[in-house]
C-alpha atoms as a PDB file:
ATOM      1  CA  PRO A   1      -7.737 -17.221 -15.136  1.00  0.00           C
ATOM      2  CA  ARG A   2      -4.526 -19.190 -15.145  1.00  0.00           C
ATOM      3  CA  LEU A   3      -0.911 -18.363 -15.887  1.00  0.00           C
ATOM      4  CA  PRO A   4       0.243 -19.229 -19.396  1.00  0.00           C
ATOM      5  CA  LEU A   5       2.407 -22.304 -19.928  1.00  0.00           C
ATOM      6  CA  GLY A   6       5.831 -21.308 -18.679  1.00  0.00           C
ATOM      7  CA  GLY A   7       4.454 -19.281 -15.735  1.00  0.00           C
ATOM      8  CA  LEU A   8       5.207 -15.635 -14.990  1.00  0.00           C
ATOM      9  CA  ALA A   9       8.112 -15.577 -17.451  1.00  0.00           C
ATOM     10  CA  ARG A  10       5.632 -16.026 -20.341  1.00  0.00           C
ATOM     11  CA  LEU A  11       3.035 -13.548 -19.065  1.00  0.00           C
ATOM     12  CA  ARG A  12       2.296 -10.734 -21.565  1.00  0.00           C
ATOM     13  CA  PRO A  13       2.263  -7.919 -20.704  1.00  0.00           C
ATOM     14  CA  ARG A  14       4.892  -8.740 -18.074  1.00  0.00           C
ATOM     15  CA  LEU A  15       4.020  -8.460 -14.386  1.00  0.00           C
ATOM     16  CA  THR A  16       5.143  -5.135 -12.909  1.00  0.00           C
ATOM     17  CA  VAL A  17       5.321  -4.671  -9.123  1.00  0.00           C
ATOM     18  CA  VAL A  18       5.650  -1.129  -7.773  1.00  0.00           C
ATOM     19  CA  LEU A  19       5.582   0.654  -4.428  1.00  0.00           C
ATOM     20  CA  LYS A  20       2.068   1.983  -3.871  1.00  0.00           C
ATOM     21  CA  ALA A  21       2.058   5.725  -3.259  1.00  0.00           C
ATOM     22  CA  ARG A  22       0.287   6.579  -0.029  1.00  0.00           C
ATOM     23  CA  PRO A  23      -2.207   9.421   0.099  1.00  0.00           C
ATOM     24  CA  PRO A  24      -1.083  12.533   2.004  1.00  0.00           C
ATOM     25  CA  MET A  25      -2.045  12.390   5.658  1.00  0.00           C
ATOM     26  CA  ALA A  26      -3.426  15.408   7.483  1.00  0.00           C
ATOM     27  CA  SER A  27      -1.479  16.499  10.555  1.00  0.00           C
ATOM     28  CA  PRO A  28      -3.505  16.336  13.774  1.00  0.00           C
ATOM     29  CA  ALA A  29      -4.268  19.666  15.412  1.00  0.00           C
ATOM     30  CA  PRO A  30      -2.431  20.298  18.702  1.00  0.00           C
ATOM     31  CA  ALA A  31      -4.497  19.700  21.840  1.00  0.00           C
ATOM     32  CA  SER A  32      -5.972  22.852  23.320  1.00  0.00           C
ATOM     33  CA  GLY A  33      -3.641  24.419  25.855  1.00  0.00           C
ATOM     34  CA  ALA A  34      -0.665  22.418  24.570  1.00  0.00           C
ATOM     35  CA  GLU A  35       2.477  24.183  23.488  1.00  0.00           C
ATOM     36  CA  GLU A  36       3.231  23.958  19.805  1.00  0.00           C
ATOM     37  CA  ALA A  37       6.427  22.223  18.735  1.00  0.00           C
ATOM     38  CA  PRO A  38       8.960  24.099  16.603  1.00  0.00           C
ATOM     39  CA  ALA A  39       7.951  24.270  12.948  1.00  0.00           C
ATOM     40  CA  GLY A  40       8.645  20.974  11.222  1.00  0.00           C
ATOM     41  CA  ALA A  41       9.568  19.031  14.390  1.00  0.00           C
ATOM     42  CA  ALA A  42       6.223  17.262  14.774  1.00  0.00           C
ATOM     43  CA  ALA A  43       5.915  16.688  11.057  1.00  0.00           C
ATOM     44  CA  ALA A  44       9.368  15.123  10.876  1.00  0.00           C
ATOM     45  CA  SER A  45       8.688  12.707  13.735  1.00  0.00           C
ATOM     46  CA  SER A  46       5.257  11.683  12.456  1.00  0.00           C
ATOM     47  CA  GLU A  47       6.495  11.338   8.868  1.00  0.00           C
ATOM     48  CA  ALA A  48       9.125   8.828   9.989  1.00  0.00           C
ATOM     49  CA  ALA A  49       6.488   6.516  11.476  1.00  0.00           C
ATOM     50  CA  ALA A  50       3.701   7.273   8.984  1.00  0.00           C
ATOM     51  CA  PRO A  51       4.654   5.072   5.986  1.00  0.00           C
ATOM     52  CA  GLN A  52       4.535   1.741   7.781  1.00  0.00           C
ATOM     53  CA  ALA A  53       1.641   2.759  10.044  1.00  0.00           C
ATOM     54  CA  ALA A  54      -0.451   3.773   7.035  1.00  0.00           C
ATOM     55  CA  ALA A  55       0.623   0.700   5.067  1.00  0.00           C
ATOM     56  CA  ALA A  56      -0.309  -1.585   7.968  1.00  0.00           C
ATOM     57  CA  ILE A  57      -3.995  -0.925   7.245  1.00  0.00           C
ATOM     58  CA  GLU A  58      -3.872  -0.465   3.464  1.00  0.00           C
ATOM     59  CA  LEU A  59      -4.381  -3.370   1.060  1.00  0.00           C
ATOM     60  CA  PRO A  60      -2.460  -3.914  -2.182  1.00  0.00           C
ATOM     61  CA  SER A  61      -4.186  -3.017  -5.437  1.00  0.00           C
ATOM     62  CA  ALA A  62      -3.811  -4.180  -9.020  1.00  0.00           C
ATOM     63  CA  SER A  63      -4.463  -3.138 -12.582  1.00  0.00           C
ATOM     64  CA  THR A  64      -5.256  -6.477 -14.143  1.00  0.00           C
ATOM     65  CA  CYS A  65      -5.400  -5.290 -17.764  1.00  0.00           C
ATOM     66  CA  THR A  66      -1.750  -4.253 -17.594  1.00  0.00           C
ATOM     67  CA  ASN A  67      -0.562  -6.829 -14.991  1.00  0.00           C
ATOM     68  CA  TYR A  68       0.400  -4.045 -12.575  1.00  0.00           C
ATOM     69  CA  LEU A  69       0.621  -4.838  -8.835  1.00  0.00           C
ATOM     70  CA  LYS A  70       0.848  -1.923  -6.368  1.00  0.00           C
ATOM     71  CA  LEU A  71       2.162  -2.840  -2.902  1.00  0.00           C
ATOM     72  CA  PRO A  72       2.381  -0.503   0.107  1.00  0.00           C
ATOM     73  CA  ASP A  73       5.594  -0.558   2.177  1.00  0.00           C
ATOM     74  CA  TYR A  74       4.614  -3.071   4.868  1.00  0.00           C
ATOM     75  CA  GLY A  75       8.009  -3.345   6.522  1.00  0.00           C
ATOM     76  CA  SER A  76       7.853  -7.122   6.911  1.00  0.00           C
ATOM     77  CA  GLU A  77       7.299 -10.127   4.686  1.00  0.00           C
ATOM     78  CA  GLU A  78       4.731 -11.495   7.148  1.00  0.00           C
ATOM     79  CA  LEU A  79       2.549  -8.371   6.924  1.00  0.00           C
ATOM     80  CA  LEU A  80       2.920  -8.292   3.121  1.00  0.00           C
ATOM     81  CA  ARG A  81       1.765 -11.920   2.864  1.00  0.00           C
ATOM     82  CA  LYS A  82      -1.191 -11.324   5.210  1.00  0.00           C
ATOM     83  CA  HIS A  83      -2.476  -8.271   3.319  1.00  0.00           C
ATOM     84  CA  LEU A  84      -1.836  -9.758  -0.116  1.00  0.00           C
ATOM     85  CA  LEU A  85      -3.840 -12.881   0.752  1.00  0.00           C
ATOM     86  CA  THR A  86      -6.620 -10.728   2.247  1.00  0.00           C
ATOM     87  CA  ALA A  87      -6.797  -8.651  -0.942  1.00  0.00           C
ATOM     88  CA  ILE A  88      -6.890 -11.784  -3.108  1.00  0.00           C
ATOM     89  CA  HIS A  89      -9.663 -13.448  -1.099  1.00  0.00           C
ATOM     90  CA  GLU A  90     -11.776 -10.351  -0.426  1.00  0.00           C
ATOM     91  CA  GLY A  91     -11.450  -8.950  -3.951  1.00  0.00           C
ATOM     92  CA  SER A  92     -11.950 -12.193  -5.868  1.00  0.00           C
ATOM     93  CA  GLY A  93     -15.654 -11.547  -6.371  1.00  0.00           C
ATOM     94  CA  ALA A  94     -15.500  -7.820  -7.029  1.00  0.00           C
ATOM     95  CA  PHE A  95     -14.464  -5.483  -9.817  1.00  0.00           C
ATOM     96  CA  PHE A  96     -13.921  -1.791  -9.105  1.00  0.00           C
ATOM     97  CA  LEU A  97     -12.713   0.982 -11.359  1.00  0.00           C
ATOM     98  CA  SER A  98     -10.189   3.279  -9.728  1.00  0.00           C
END
């Protein structure tokens, strides 16, 4: 498939890029014999680091019928480019329903 004459501006339906929602992550159980942190303290510290850590291993996804591109929050343009190119090359020969 190729872009229509005029490029992305002439694409119908238009290309939509959105932030990909990350699945909820389970909190690790405290090590045996370890003291538990105050309620919410561990969750708050792990939640702050979780979005980019989870996104660092997650690939973008797309809905090609509606020209919808879902990108995780990678935190850097370099990581975005790397994962986007990986998704394009690895997914070029596959079609999955999700």
